[in-house]
C-alpha atoms as a PDB file:
ATOM      1  CA  MET A   1      57.197  93.420  98.586  1.00  0.00           C
ATOM      2  CA  SER A   2      59.286  96.323  98.313  1.00  0.00           C
ATOM      3  CA  SER A   3      59.857  98.556  95.509  1.00  0.00           C
ATOM      4  CA  VAL A   4      63.397  98.409  94.352  1.00  0.00           C
ATOM      5  CA  VAL A   5      65.449 100.812  92.132  1.00  0.00           C
ATOM      6  CA  VAL A   6      69.103 100.153  91.109  1.00  0.00           C
ATOM      7  CA  ILE A   7      70.684 103.373  90.014  1.00  0.00           C
ATOM      8  CA  GLY A   8      73.592 102.551  87.460  1.00  0.00           C
ATOM      9  CA  ALA A   9      73.467 100.088  84.543  1.00  0.00           C
ATOM     10  CA  GLY A  10      77.025  98.932  84.718  1.00  0.00           C
ATOM     11  CA  ALA A  11      77.910  95.464  85.439  1.00  0.00           C
ATOM     12  CA  TRP A  12      77.308  95.734  88.959  1.00  0.00           C
ATOM     13  CA  GLY A  13      74.070  97.478  88.991  1.00  0.00           C
ATOM     14  CA  THR A  14      72.917  95.113  86.457  1.00  0.00           C
ATOM     15  CA  ALA A  15      73.971  92.159  88.726  1.00  0.00           C
ATOM     16  CA  LEU A  16      72.147  93.768  91.513  1.00  0.00           C
ATOM     17  CA  ALA A  17      68.897  94.082  89.458  1.00  0.00           C
ATOM     18  CA  LEU A  18      69.241  90.519  88.525  1.00  0.00           C
ATOM     19  CA  VAL A  19      69.483  89.378  92.183  1.00  0.00           C
ATOM     20  CA  THR A  20      66.533  91.535  93.122  1.00  0.00           C
ATOM     21  CA  ALA A  21      64.355  90.199  90.620  1.00  0.00           C
ATOM     22  CA  ARG A  22      65.371  86.499  91.577  1.00  0.00           C
ATOM     23  CA  ALA A  23      64.507  87.453  95.098  1.00  0.00           C
ATOM     24  CA  GLY A  24      60.850  88.201  94.056  1.00  0.00           C
ATOM     25  CA  HIS A  25      60.798  91.867  93.529  1.00  0.00           C
ATOM     26  CA  GLN A  26      59.806  94.442  90.828  1.00  0.00           C
ATOM     27  CA  VAL A  27      62.986  96.117  89.994  1.00  0.00           C
ATOM     28  CA  THR A  28      63.654  99.405  88.004  1.00  0.00           C
ATOM     29  CA  LEU A  29      67.220  99.671  86.528  1.00  0.00           C
ATOM     30  CA  TRP A  30      68.293 103.121  85.568  1.00  0.00           C
ATOM     31  CA  ALA A  31      70.867 103.705  82.756  1.00  0.00           C
ATOM     32  CA  ARG A  32      72.392 107.407  82.488  1.00  0.00           C
ATOM     33  CA  ASN A  33      72.491 107.210  78.631  1.00  0.00           C
ATOM     34  CA  ALA A  34      69.337 107.136  76.838  1.00  0.00           C
ATOM     35  CA  GLU A  35      70.241 105.348  73.895  1.00  0.00           C
ATOM     36  CA  ARG A  36      71.727 102.633  76.077  1.00  0.00           C
ATOM     37  CA  ALA A  37      68.621 102.386  78.205  1.00  0.00           C
ATOM     38  CA  THR A  38      66.575 101.827  75.038  1.00  0.00           C
ATOM     39  CA  ALA A  39      68.949  99.266  73.629  1.00  0.00           C
ATOM     40  CA  ILE A  40      69.061  97.177  76.813  1.00  0.00           C
ATOM     41  CA  ALA A  41      65.128  97.581  77.060  1.00  0.00           C
ATOM     42  CA  GLN A  42      64.775  96.219  73.601  1.00  0.00           C
ATOM     43  CA  THR A  43      67.393  93.370  73.608  1.00  0.00           C
ATOM     44  CA  ARG A  44      67.113  92.577  77.187  1.00  0.00           C
ATOM     45  CA  VAL A  45      71.077  92.245  77.362  1.00  0.00           C
ATOM     46  CA  ASN A  46      73.582  94.594  78.842  1.00  0.00           C
ATOM     47  CA  PRO A  47      76.847  94.447  76.840  1.00  0.00           C
ATOM     48  CA  ARG A  48      78.729  95.323  80.291  1.00  0.00           C
ATOM     49  CA  LEU A  49      77.358  91.909  81.642  1.00  0.00           C
ATOM     50  CA  PRO A  50      77.244  89.559  78.608  1.00  0.00           C
ATOM     51  CA  GLY A  51      75.360  86.186  78.697  1.00  0.00           C
ATOM     52  CA  GLN A  52      72.794  87.356  80.883  1.00  0.00           C
ATOM     53  CA  ILE A  53      69.135  87.918  79.838  1.00  0.00           C
ATOM     54  CA  LEU A  54      67.168  90.290  81.745  1.00  0.00           C
ATOM     55  CA  PRO A  55      63.808  89.111  82.800  1.00  0.00           C
ATOM     56  CA  PRO A  56      60.765  91.171  82.466  1.00  0.00           C
ATOM     57  CA  GLU A  57      60.586  91.694  86.096  1.00  0.00           C
ATOM     58  CA  ILE A  58      63.419  94.294  85.579  1.00  0.00           C
ATOM     59  CA  THR A  59      62.132  97.642  83.916  1.00  0.00           C
ATOM     60  CA  ILE A  60      65.118  99.709  82.091  1.00  0.00           C
ATOM     61  CA  THR A  61      64.561 103.468  82.325  1.00  0.00           C
ATOM     62  CA  ASN A  62      66.637 106.827  81.487  1.00  0.00           C
ATOM     63  CA  THR A  63      64.328 108.507  83.810  1.00  0.00           C
ATOM     64  CA  LEU A  64      65.479 108.480  87.643  1.00  0.00           C
ATOM     65  CA  PRO A  65      63.022 106.499  89.356  1.00  0.00           C
ATOM     66  CA  ARG A  66      61.409 106.567  92.987  1.00  0.00           C
ATOM     67  CA  GLY A  67      61.429 103.563  94.939  1.00  0.00           C
ATOM     68  CA  ASP A  68      61.097 102.003  98.527  1.00  0.00           C
ATOM     69  CA  ILE A  69      64.777 101.057  98.404  1.00  0.00           C
ATOM     70  CA  ALA A  70      67.464 102.760  95.923  1.00  0.00           C
ATOM     71  CA  LEU A  71      70.811 100.616  95.193  1.00  0.00           C
ATOM     72  CA  LEU A  72      73.294 103.390  94.321  1.00  0.00           C
ATOM     73  CA  ALA A  73      75.493 101.564  91.840  1.00  0.00           C
ATOM     74  CA  VAL A  74      77.110 104.518  90.318  1.00  0.00           C
ATOM     75  CA  PRO A  75      80.891 105.142  90.682  1.00  0.00           C
ATOM     76  CA  LEU A  76      81.465 107.255  93.704  1.00  0.00           C
ATOM     77  CA  PRO A  77      82.656 110.438  91.647  1.00  0.00           C
ATOM     78  CA  HIS A  78      78.999 110.553  90.265  1.00  0.00           C
ATOM     79  CA  LEU A  79      77.254 110.092  93.485  1.00  0.00           C
ATOM     80  CA  ARG A  80      76.850 113.566  94.266  1.00  0.00           C
ATOM     81  CA  HIS A  81      75.278 114.329  90.966  1.00  0.00           C
ATOM     82  CA  VAL A  82      72.728 111.361  91.008  1.00  0.00           C
ATOM     83  CA  LEU A  83      71.709 112.265  94.528  1.00  0.00           C
ATOM     84  CA  HIS A  84      70.855 115.914  93.602  1.00  0.00           C
ATOM     85  CA  ARG A  85      68.337 114.417  91.175  1.00  0.00           C
ATOM     86  CA  LEU A  86      67.241 111.417  92.596  1.00  0.00           C
ATOM     87  CA  PRO A  87      63.498 111.346  93.704  1.00  0.00           C
ATOM     88  CA  ALA A  88      63.060 110.728  97.599  1.00  0.00           C
ATOM     89  CA  CYS A  89      63.508 106.948  98.671  1.00  0.00           C
ATOM     90  CA  ALA A  90      63.012 105.554 102.082  1.00  0.00           C
ATOM     91  CA  VAL A  91      66.398 103.919 102.086  1.00  0.00           C
ATOM     92  CA  LEU A  92      69.482 104.582 100.140  1.00  0.00           C
ATOM     93  CA  VAL A  93      71.958 101.764  99.893  1.00  0.00           C
ATOM     94  CA  ASP A  94      75.447 102.737  98.783  1.00  0.00           C
ATOM     95  CA  CYS A  95      76.981 100.042  96.451  1.00  0.00           C
ATOM     96  CA  ALA A  96      80.193 101.929  95.500  1.00  0.00           C
ATOM     97  CA  LYS A  97      83.518 101.937  97.118  1.00  0.00           C
ATOM     98  CA  GLY A  98      85.831 104.600  97.859  1.00  0.00           C
ATOM     99  CA  VAL A  99      86.831 107.769  99.464  1.00  0.00           C
ATOM    100  CA  GLU A 100      85.679 111.074  97.520  1.00  0.00           C
ATOM    101  CA  ALA A 101      88.465 113.314  96.221  1.00  0.00           C
ATOM    102  CA  GLY A 102      88.650 116.840  97.806  1.00  0.00           C
ATOM    103  CA  SER A 103      86.008 116.302 100.478  1.00  0.00           C
ATOM    104  CA  LEU A 104      87.740 112.886 101.544  1.00  0.00           C
ATOM    105  CA  ALA A 105      84.168 111.847 102.440  1.00  0.00           C
ATOM    106  CA  LEU A 106      82.987 108.139 102.616  1.00  0.00           C
ATOM    107  CA  PRO A 107      79.899 107.474 100.646  1.00  0.00           C
ATOM    108  CA  LEU A 108      77.449 107.512 103.723  1.00  0.00           C
ATOM    109  CA  ASP A 109      78.966 110.851 104.395  1.00  0.00           C
ATOM    110  CA  ILE A 110      77.677 111.922 101.238  1.00  0.00           C
ATOM    111  CA  LEU A 111      74.259 110.576 101.567  1.00  0.00           C
ATOM    112  CA  ALA A 112      73.853 112.003 105.109  1.00  0.00           C
ATOM    113  CA  GLU A 113      74.575 115.461 103.727  1.00  0.00           C
ATOM    114  CA  LEU A 114      72.380 115.271 100.531  1.00  0.00           C
ATOM    115  CA  ALA A 115      69.704 112.955 101.749  1.00  0.00           C
ATOM    116  CA  PRO A 116      69.537 113.322 105.533  1.00  0.00           C
ATOM    117  CA  ASP A 117      65.729 112.263 105.703  1.00  0.00           C
ATOM    118  CA  ALA A 118      66.444 108.734 104.331  1.00  0.00           C
ATOM    119  CA  ALA A 119      67.667 105.678 105.961  1.00  0.00           C
ATOM    120  CA  HIS A 120      71.289 104.848 104.892  1.00  0.00           C
ATOM    121  CA  ALA A 121      73.097 101.514 104.316  1.00  0.00           C
ATOM    122  CA  VAL A 122      76.047 100.309 102.448  1.00  0.00           C
ATOM    123  CA  LEU A 123      75.968  97.016 100.469  1.00  0.00           C
ATOM    124  CA  THR A 124      79.917  95.551 100.516  1.00  0.00           C
ATOM    125  CA  GLY A 125      81.812  92.294 100.378  1.00  0.00           C
ATOM    126  CA  PRO A 126      83.921  90.037  98.084  1.00  0.00           C
ATOM    127  CA  ASN A 127      81.750  90.160  95.109  1.00  0.00           C
ATOM    128  CA  PHE A 128      82.280  89.943  91.326  1.00  0.00           C
ATOM    129  CA  ALA A 129      79.574  90.880  89.123  1.00  0.00           C
ATOM    130  CA  HIS A 130      79.626  88.343  86.598  1.00  0.00           C
ATOM    131  CA  GLU A 131      79.614  85.623  89.270  1.00  0.00           C
ATOM    132  CA  ILE A 132      76.795  87.061  91.070  1.00  0.00           C
ATOM    133  CA  ALA A 133      74.938  87.400  87.787  1.00  0.00           C
ATOM    134  CA  ALA A 134      75.792  83.789  87.040  1.00  0.00           C
ATOM    135  CA  ARG A 135      74.193  82.452  90.269  1.00  0.00           C
ATOM    136  CA  LEU A 136      77.649  81.435  91.682  1.00  0.00           C
ATOM    137  CA  PRO A 137      77.437  81.068  95.777  1.00  0.00           C
ATOM    138  CA  ALA A 138      78.393  84.320  97.360  1.00  0.00           C
ATOM    139  CA  ALA A 139      78.005  86.440 100.699  1.00  0.00           C
ATOM    140  CA  ALA A 140      78.198  90.191 101.192  1.00  0.00           C
ATOM    141  CA  VAL A 141      77.363  92.691 104.006  1.00  0.00           C
ATOM    142  CA  VAL A 142      74.562  95.190 104.605  1.00  0.00           C
ATOM    143  CA  ALA A 143      76.106  97.720 107.271  1.00  0.00           C
ATOM    144  CA  SER A 144      73.777 100.260 108.682  1.00  0.00           C
ATOM    145  CA  THR A 145      72.983 101.592 112.116  1.00  0.00           C
ATOM    146  CA  ASP A 146      69.342 101.362 111.350  1.00  0.00           C
ATOM    147  CA  ARG A 147      68.226  97.952 112.260  1.00  0.00           C
ATOM    148  CA  ILE A 148      64.966  98.237 110.206  1.00  0.00           C
ATOM    149  CA  ALA A 149      66.612  99.445 107.154  1.00  0.00           C
ATOM    150  CA  ARG A 150      69.348  96.945 106.937  1.00  0.00           C
ATOM    151  CA  ASN A 151      66.931  94.134 107.337  1.00  0.00           C
ATOM    152  CA  ALA A 152      64.674  95.500 104.739  1.00  0.00           C
ATOM    153  CA  VAL A 153      67.602  95.521 102.102  1.00  0.00           C
ATOM    154  CA  ILE A 154      68.679  91.922 103.496  1.00  0.00           C
ATOM    155  CA  GLU A 155      65.073  90.793 102.618  1.00  0.00           C
ATOM    156  CA  ALA A 156      65.222  92.469  99.473  1.00  0.00           C
ATOM    157  CA  LEU A 157      68.662  90.777  98.017  1.00  0.00           C
ATOM    158  CA  THR A 158      68.770  87.410  99.573  1.00  0.00           C
ATOM    159  CA  THR A 159      68.353  84.455  97.418  1.00  0.00           C
ATOM    160  CA  PRO A 160      69.530  80.882  97.729  1.00  0.00           C
ATOM    161  CA  GLU A 161      72.814  81.748  96.249  1.00  0.00           C
ATOM    162  CA  PHE A 162      73.450  85.259  97.548  1.00  0.00           C
ATOM    163  CA  ARG A 163      73.697  85.174 101.483  1.00  0.00           C
ATOM    164  CA  LEU A 164      73.498  88.659 103.392  1.00  0.00           C
ATOM    165  CA  TYR A 165      74.880  89.495 106.754  1.00  0.00           C
ATOM    166  CA  GLY A 166      73.701  92.541 108.635  1.00  0.00           C
ATOM    167  CA  ASN A 167      76.251  94.660 110.266  1.00  0.00           C
ATOM    168  CA  ASP A 168      75.927  97.761 112.732  1.00  0.00           C
ATOM    169  CA  ASP A 169      79.484  99.206 111.641  1.00  0.00           C
ATOM    170  CA  PRO A 170      79.100 101.377 108.314  1.00  0.00           C
ATOM    171  CA  ILE A 171      82.308 102.974 108.765  1.00  0.00           C
ATOM    172  CA  GLY A 172      84.502  99.847 109.128  1.00  0.00           C
ATOM    173  CA  ALA A 173      82.486  98.347 106.128  1.00  0.00           C
ATOM    174  CA  GLN A 174      82.931 101.358 104.087  1.00  0.00           C
ATOM    175  CA  LEU A 175      86.609 101.553 104.778  1.00  0.00           C
ATOM    176  CA  GLY A 176      87.275  98.165 104.090  1.00  0.00           C
ATOM    177  CA  GLY A 177      85.567  98.339 100.637  1.00  0.00           C
ATOM    178  CA  ALA A 178      87.569 101.528  99.960  1.00  0.00           C
ATOM    179  CA  ALA A 179      91.019 100.700 101.030  1.00  0.00           C
ATOM    180  CA  LYS A 180      91.129  97.059  99.656  1.00  0.00           C
ATOM    181  CA  ASN A 181      91.249  98.632  96.143  1.00  0.00           C
ATOM    182  CA  VAL A 182      94.287 100.287  96.891  1.00  0.00           C
ATOM    183  CA  ILE A 183      95.978  97.395  98.423  1.00  0.00           C
ATOM    184  CA  ALA A 184      94.871  95.171  95.296  1.00  0.00           C
ATOM    185  CA  ILE A 185      96.851  97.874  93.276  1.00  0.00           C
ATOM    186  CA  ALA A 186     100.075  97.223  95.365  1.00  0.00           C
ATOM    187  CA  ALA A 187      99.401  93.036  95.236  1.00  0.00           C
ATOM    188  CA  GLY A 188      99.058  93.351  91.452  1.00  0.00           C
ATOM    189  CA  ALA A 189     102.206  95.574  91.038  1.00  0.00           C
ATOM    190  CA  ALA A 190     104.260  93.091  93.221  1.00  0.00           C
ATOM    191  CA  ILE A 191     102.988  90.114  90.775  1.00  0.00           C
ATOM    192  CA  GLY A 192     103.615  92.239  87.653  1.00  0.00           C
ATOM    193  CA  ALA A 193     107.010  93.261  88.633  1.00  0.00           C
ATOM    194  CA  GLY A 194     108.148  89.484  89.242  1.00  0.00           C
ATOM    195  CA  PHE A 195     108.419  90.031  93.040  1.00  0.00           C
ATOM    196  CA  GLY A 196     106.501  86.882  93.969  1.00  0.00           C
ATOM    197  CA  GLU A 197     103.685  85.392  96.118  1.00  0.00           C
ATOM    198  CA  ASN A 198     105.660  85.963  99.344  1.00  0.00           C
ATOM    199  CA  ALA A 199     105.400  89.728  98.439  1.00  0.00           C
ATOM    200  CA  ARG A 200     101.922  89.757  97.625  1.00  0.00           C
ATOM    201  CA  ALA A 201     100.942  87.974 100.934  1.00  0.00           C
ATOM    202  CA  ALA A 202     103.141  90.258 102.735  1.00  0.00           C
ATOM    203  CA  LEU A 203     101.324  93.244 101.246  1.00  0.00           C
ATOM    204  CA  VAL A 204      97.961  91.743 101.823  1.00  0.00           C
ATOM    205  CA  THR A 205      98.612  91.297 105.529  1.00  0.00           C
ATOM    206  CA  ARG A 206     100.189  94.330 106.207  1.00  0.00           C
ATOM    207  CA  GLY A 207      97.717  96.260 104.227  1.00  0.00           C
ATOM    208  CA  LEU A 208      94.865  94.756 106.331  1.00  0.00           C
ATOM    209  CA  ALA A 209      96.759  95.942 109.426  1.00  0.00           C
ATOM    210  CA  GLU A 210      96.609  99.715 107.760  1.00  0.00           C
ATOM    211  CA  ILE A 211      92.996  99.362 107.072  1.00  0.00           C
ATOM    212  CA  THR A 212      92.303  98.289 110.682  1.00  0.00           C
ATOM    213  CA  ARG A 213      94.416 101.137 112.164  1.00  0.00           C
ATOM    214  CA  LEU A 214      92.274 103.774 110.163  1.00  0.00           C
ATOM    215  CA  ALA A 215      88.873 101.929 110.707  1.00  0.00           C
ATOM    216  CA  LEU A 216      89.621 102.348 114.610  1.00  0.00           C
ATOM    217  CA  ALA A 217      90.618 105.901 114.265  1.00  0.00           C
ATOM    218  CA  LEU A 218      87.375 106.778 112.444  1.00  0.00           C
ATOM    219  CA  GLY A 219      85.292 104.828 114.983  1.00  0.00           C
ATOM    220  CA  GLY A 220      84.937 101.662 113.186  1.00  0.00           C
ATOM    221  CA  GLN A 221      85.423  98.057 114.405  1.00  0.00           C
ATOM    222  CA  ALA A 222      88.415  95.719 114.147  1.00  0.00           C
ATOM    223  CA  SER A 223      86.167  92.765 113.885  1.00  0.00           C
ATOM    224  CA  THR A 224      84.428  94.324 110.864  1.00  0.00           C
ATOM    225  CA  VAL A 225      87.595  94.589 109.140  1.00  0.00           C
ATOM    226  CA  ALA A 226      88.275  90.930 109.796  1.00  0.00           C
ATOM    227  CA  GLY A 227      85.176  90.022 108.137  1.00  0.00           C
ATOM    228  CA  LEU A 228      83.525  89.871 104.713  1.00  0.00           C
ATOM    229  CA  SER A 229      83.789  93.490 104.048  1.00  0.00           C
ATOM    230  CA  GLY A 230      87.339  93.634 105.116  1.00  0.00           C
ATOM    231  CA  LEU A 231      89.331  90.512 104.915  1.00  0.00           C
ATOM    232  CA  GLY A 232      86.850  88.831 102.501  1.00  0.00           C
ATOM    233  CA  ASP A 233      86.895  91.649  99.844  1.00  0.00           C
ATOM    234  CA  LEU A 234      90.747  92.265 100.286  1.00  0.00           C
ATOM    235  CA  LEU A 235      91.617  88.320  99.531  1.00  0.00           C
ATOM    236  CA  LEU A 236      89.141  88.383  96.265  1.00  0.00           C
ATOM    237  CA  THR A 237      90.522  91.896  94.938  1.00  0.00           C
ATOM    238  CA  CYS A 238      94.159  90.856  95.760  1.00  0.00           C
ATOM    239  CA  THR A 239      93.884  87.417  93.994  1.00  0.00           C
ATOM    240  CA  GLY A 240      91.386  87.519  91.423  1.00  0.00           C
ATOM    241  CA  THR A 241      92.147  88.408  87.908  1.00  0.00           C
ATOM    242  CA  GLY A 242      88.751  89.825  87.592  1.00  0.00           C
ATOM    243  CA  SER A 243      89.632  92.503  89.715  1.00  0.00           C
ATOM    244  CA  ARG A 244      90.191  95.734  87.802  1.00  0.00           C
ATOM    245  CA  ASN A 245      92.487  97.315  90.499  1.00  0.00           C
ATOM    246  CA  PHE A 246      94.854  94.253  90.554  1.00  0.00           C
ATOM    247  CA  ARG A 247      95.076  94.558  86.643  1.00  0.00           C
ATOM    248  CA  VAL A 248      96.054  98.171  87.237  1.00  0.00           C
ATOM    249  CA  GLY A 249      98.498  97.250  89.492  1.00  0.00           C
ATOM    250  CA  HIS A 250      99.853  94.170  87.548  1.00  0.00           C
ATOM    251  CA  ALA A 251     100.388  96.633  84.581  1.00  0.00           C
ATOM    252  CA  LEU A 252     102.298  99.205  86.570  1.00  0.00           C
ATOM    253  CA  GLY A 253     104.371  96.503  87.708  1.00  0.00           C
ATOM    254  CA  GLN A 254     105.387  95.589  84.235  1.00  0.00           C
ATOM    255  CA  GLY A 255     106.326  99.211  83.506  1.00  0.00           C
ATOM    256  CA  VAL A 256     102.980 100.272  81.809  1.00  0.00           C
ATOM    257  CA  SER A 257     102.106 104.027  82.621  1.00  0.00           C
ATOM    258  CA  ILE A 258      99.259 104.688  84.936  1.00  0.00           C
ATOM    259  CA  ASP A 259      97.202 106.213  81.790  1.00  0.00           C
ATOM    260  CA  ALA A 260      97.804 103.207  79.566  1.00  0.00           C
ATOM    261  CA  ALA A 261      97.078 100.781  82.634  1.00  0.00           C
ATOM    262  CA  ILE A 262      93.778 102.323  83.323  1.00  0.00           C
ATOM    263  CA  ALA A 263      92.636 102.312  79.760  1.00  0.00           C
ATOM    264  CA  ALA A 264      93.488  98.504  79.480  1.00  0.00           C
ATOM    265  CA  SER A 265      91.600  97.718  82.669  1.00  0.00           C
ATOM    266  CA  ALA A 266      88.412  97.944  81.077  1.00  0.00           C
ATOM    267  CA  GLY A 267      86.214  99.694  83.910  1.00  0.00           C
ATOM    268  CA  VAL A 268      86.840 101.948  86.763  1.00  0.00           C
ATOM    269  CA  ALA A 269      89.849 101.150  89.001  1.00  0.00           C
ATOM    270  CA  GLU A 270      88.550 102.926  92.228  1.00  0.00           C
ATOM    271  CA  GLY A 271      91.964 102.510  93.885  1.00  0.00           C
ATOM    272  CA  VAL A 272      93.533 104.836  91.734  1.00  0.00           C
ATOM    273  CA  THR A 273      91.747 108.002  93.049  1.00  0.00           C
ATOM    274  CA  THR A 274      91.022 106.257  96.129  1.00  0.00           C
ATOM    275  CA  ALA A 275      94.601 106.171  97.327  1.00  0.00           C
ATOM    276  CA  PRO A 276      95.748 109.908  97.607  1.00  0.00           C
ATOM    277  CA  ALA A 277      92.198 110.483  99.221  1.00  0.00           C
ATOM    278  CA  LEU A 278      92.707 107.795 101.652  1.00  0.00           C
ATOM    279  CA  VAL A 279      96.393 108.720 102.685  1.00  0.00           C
ATOM    280  CA  ALA A 280      95.059 112.434 103.080  1.00  0.00           C
ATOM    281  CA  ARG A 281      92.314 111.392 105.535  1.00  0.00           C
ATOM    282  CA  ALA A 282      94.659 109.266 107.508  1.00  0.00           C
ATOM    283  CA  ALA A 283      97.013 112.139 107.740  1.00  0.00           C
ATOM    284  CA  GLU A 284      94.284 114.240 109.444  1.00  0.00           C
ATOM    285  CA  LEU A 285      94.086 111.645 112.083  1.00  0.00           C
ATOM    286  CA  GLY A 286      97.784 110.940 112.437  1.00  0.00           C
ATOM    287  CA  VAL A 287      97.551 107.220 111.142  1.00  0.00           C
ATOM    288  CA  SER A 288     100.382 105.739 109.248  1.00  0.00           C
ATOM    289  CA  LEU A 289      99.340 104.000 105.987  1.00  0.00           C
ATOM    290  CA  PRO A 290     102.827 103.114 104.347  1.00  0.00           C
ATOM    291  CA  ILE A 291     101.582 100.877 101.601  1.00  0.00           C
ATOM    292  CA  CYS A 292      98.657 103.058 100.582  1.00  0.00           C
ATOM    293  CA  HIS A 293     100.973 106.046 100.554  1.00  0.00           C
ATOM    294  CA  SER A 294     103.410 104.130  98.173  1.00  0.00           C
ATOM    295  CA  VAL A 295     100.557 103.147  95.950  1.00  0.00           C
ATOM    296  CA  ALA A 296      99.376 106.931  95.815  1.00  0.00           C
ATOM    297  CA  ARG A 297     102.955 107.669  94.972  1.00  0.00           C
ATOM    298  CA  VAL A 298     103.139 105.153  91.962  1.00  0.00           C
ATOM    299  CA  VAL A 299      99.725 106.142  90.464  1.00  0.00           C
ATOM    300  CA  SER A 300     100.696 109.798  90.674  1.00  0.00           C
ATOM    301  CA  GLY A 301     104.040 109.323  88.975  1.00  0.00           C
ATOM    302  CA  GLU A 302     106.030 110.364  92.118  1.00  0.00           C
ATOM    303  CA  GLY A 303     107.779 106.757  92.410  1.00  0.00           C
ATOM    304  CA  SER A 304     108.192 103.669  90.738  1.00  0.00           C
ATOM    305  CA  VAL A 305     107.039 100.216  91.726  1.00  0.00           C
ATOM    306  CA  GLY A 306     110.613  99.156  92.486  1.00  0.00           C
ATOM    307  CA  GLN A 307     111.590 102.195  94.368  1.00  0.00           C
ATOM    308  CA  GLU A 308     108.328 102.207  96.724  1.00  0.00           C
ATOM    309  CA  MET A 309     108.848  98.336  97.115  1.00  0.00           C
ATOM    310  CA  SER A 310     112.741  99.086  98.288  1.00  0.00           C
ATOM    311  CA  ALA A 311     111.104 101.803 100.397  1.00  0.00           C
ATOM    312  CA  LEU A 312     108.674  99.581 102.207  1.00  0.00           C
ATOM    313  CA  LEU A 313     111.473  97.024 102.851  1.00  0.00           C
ATOM    314  CA  ALA A 314     113.899  99.597 104.198  1.00  0.00           C
ATOM    315  CA  ARG A 315     111.339 100.932 107.016  1.00  0.00           C
ATOM    316  CA  PRO A 316     112.605 100.554 110.529  1.00  0.00           C
ATOM    317  CA  THR A 317     112.014  97.252 112.109  1.00  0.00           C
ATOM    318  CA  ARG A 318     109.299  96.787 114.685  1.00  0.00           C
ATOM    319  CA  ASP A 319     107.278  93.985 116.199  1.00  0.00           C
ATOM    320  CA  GLU A 320     104.002  93.154 114.545  1.00  0.00           C
END
C-alpha cells in the first residue's frame, strides 16, 4: 500500500482524495488555509465539493505532508510556491493544467527544475471533479517516461469506476490539457454570441489541429493528442456546462467583460492565463495557433469576439 498525499483541497483535489481512499489507500489531503482545513476535518465535508462525506481514510491537514506519491492539485500559478515547501516525495504527479506565465513552462518542466530527484508524472483527461466524486464512470491518463512511476500512480488511483491508461508522452498529455482550456473559451464564446453549433464544431476541430501542431513541435505525439488527454478532454471542456473555461467564453460572447466573466465562473478558468503563454511558446517555435491567438486577444481586451471570429473566417483558404 502506497502512502498518498493530495496537495490542494479544491474540488479536484478532494475528488482525487476520495478516489484514492476508495482504491484502498490512506490519504492525506492538504488545505492551504488552516481554518478551512480544521472545518473540513470537523465536518467531513468540503463546501467546494458539496454532497460528499469524506471517509476516515482521509486525513485533512494544513501542514504539508510527506508521502510516497504526491498528487499536486493546486492551480499552476501556485505550483512553484508549494514545491519549494513540500517534503521530498518519491513520485510527484501534476494534476493541474496550463502553461506558466513568464517562463512559458509546462508543469513537468517546473517539477524537473525544483524536484529533480523525484519521479514525475501527469494525471490528465476528461474529468469533472463532481462526477468523479459521485462515482460516475470515467477514464484518465497517467503520462510519464518512468514506467514504474506511472504504474504506481495507476495502482493508487484505479477503482471500478475510474479507469486509468498509461502513456509515455507527458509532453503531448500536458499540452492537450493546457490548450483545451483555451479552445473551450473560444467554443463558449461562439455559443454565447449566437454563432451556432456549426461554429463551435469548426473551432473544436481546428483547435485540435492547433494542439497537434504544437505538440509535434515540442516533441510530443499526435496519437496522444487524439486520445483522452487531448480530444477527450477537449470534447468535455467545449461541450460541458460544468467547464469554467466554457462558461467564461460564453459570458464573453454575450458581451460581458473579462473581469465579470471570471468572477462569475466560480473557480479558476485556466485558459485565460494559458492563452497568451501558449501563443508565446508557439511563436518561439514558429507554430501558428490562430484560434488560441484570437482567444488571447479577446481575454486581453485587444479584440472583440465578433472581430476575432471575422478574422478567423477571413484567413486565406488552404487544404485541411
